[in-house]
Amino acid sequence: MGFNFTRRQWLTVIVISAADFCNAICVALQAPFFPHEAELKGCSATEYGLVFGIFELVVFIISPFYGAHLNKLGPKLVFNTGILTTSTCAILFGLLDKVEGHILFVTLAFIIRIVEALGNAAFLTASFAIIAKEFPNNVATMFASLETFFGLGLIVGPLVGGALYSVGGYYLPFAVLGFILFLTAILCYLTLPNTPDDEDIRPTGPTMISLLKIPGVFLTAITITSTSLSLGFLQATLEPHLRQFEFSPIILGLIFIINGGLYAVSAPGWGWLCDHPSIKPKYITVVGHMFVIGAFLIVGPAPFMEIPTLLWMTILGLVLHGLGLGSLLVSSFSDALGTAISNGLPNSIETYGLVSGMWTSTFALGAFIGPTVSGLLFDSIGFRNSTQFVVILHLCVMVAVFLFLFSCDRSKMEVSVSAGDLVQLDGTLDESVLIGEKFMQPATRTKSRRYGISVEQSRPPAMNSLIACSSYKNRRSPWSQRTPRYRPSYGSLDHRFRASLSVT
């Protein structure tokens, strides 16, 4: 697959990928050694599971707010503020070993993780929306590319974190990697463009409730939640389960990178499949659930298998889990965005922000439930018995996806022509291009009734007329000649838009 990107597009994807990579390192570096350090302070598995989980609970709560107000706040501002906050808190988290006392340790751990979560949610929501806007005809592929760098960060994080922990103790991993993320935040601030946006202002836009009322999107949200739950489940309790092998921190770090590594390697392939016109993302979702179910049957292994814990089976389970993560997380974003647009939501930065916020929020919900539930189950019934919870959950969601595929309205699962294709300057849609129950007119026309702008019929579903006609290769298009002269970027529109309209 060849990419003919502009300099600005390359700069965007390079900077965001670097930030995603460093962010994933800071998220994953503590998994091999934090449970042990927390136990030295008197914490139980339930307590340090909640320290992992509270981060994701805050992301779950705050992400819809960022998604709904992304256009007003400006994606670049949200992105830069978020990554700067995350890096600062990562450094502060490394000072917790200096804290004496069980209660104070847990309290400060919760506070730092809550603030860090506020920044992480802002960074993720803005980055997904920026990618969806800048690469409208390669949404799944570019999202998968970002997830590849995130997966690479998951590989490097535990490995480097375990190595630095062995060399310099608890503080060193957070100090080194947090500082690198801080430098990345500065790089993002200096390199990402900062000029007014070219999106239209709509008096009333879509809301998170209207997005989740779409059955296909709601099912995707459940899929994302169950997937991140499985990841958080292993993050909190895999290390105590592996203590029976008496591995060093470096070896534990190597084991922790297996599922992240397979996630990183497989994500581009899953993205390519999701962008293929003959393959619906929900088919990829079903395959992903099968991988996760197989992974949790053997990672323990499940108690009904009546065999002891074998290292090679645990490693195979992590390999299957990494493949499942790639297929489920990549297909879910592409599926949610395409389903939302095909059900009538505008193809605009507002919808991109909502879908990004929904994805981040539901991912965080599962990542909160995972460590919390796994800690409780580990303390009460042990690791092997507790894995059956994830198996049953993914089996139920897979069945639900199957039923949806056989019973849904097929016209609502794909977009023949984008719902945002002919957005007029007054905020209304040229509805003759819409396909669905309400709009049955043929979508063969090539010009807008109002402005006579040519619309390329082969354009992918996620690209609207505003993006296509004022794209990097078409700055002298009829659209750009008729609309106010402002430049593309990640900022939000201000009063100059209305002023320019009144002048013209």
Foldseek 3Di string as FASTA:
>chain_A
DDDDDDPQVVLLLVLLLVLLLLLLLLLQQCLLPVVVLLVVQVDALLLVLLLQQLLLQLLLVCLQVCLQCCQVFFLLVLQLQLLLQLLVLLLVLLCLSVDHHNVVSSVVSNVSSNSNSSSPSSNQLSSLLVLCQQCVLQSLLSVLLSLLSSLNSNLCNLQVSLVQCVVPNRNRSSNVSSVVSNVSSVVSVVRADDFEADFADDPDADHLVNLCVQPQLVLLLLLLLLLLLLVLQCSSCVNVLPCVVVDRSNVVSNLSSLLSNLLSVCQNVLSVQCSDPVHFLLVLLLVLLVLLLQLQCQLCPAVVVVDHNDPVSNSSSSNSSSSSSNSSLSSSLSQSLFLSQLVQHALTSSSSSSSSSSSSSSNSNSSSCNSNVSSVCCVPPRDNNSSVVSNVSSVVSSVVSVVCVVPDDVSSRGQQATSNAAQDNNRDGPQQLHDDDVHPHDNPDQADPVQGFGDDSVRGHSDYNSCVCCDPVHVPGSVNVPADDTDHRRHHHDPVRVVSVVVD
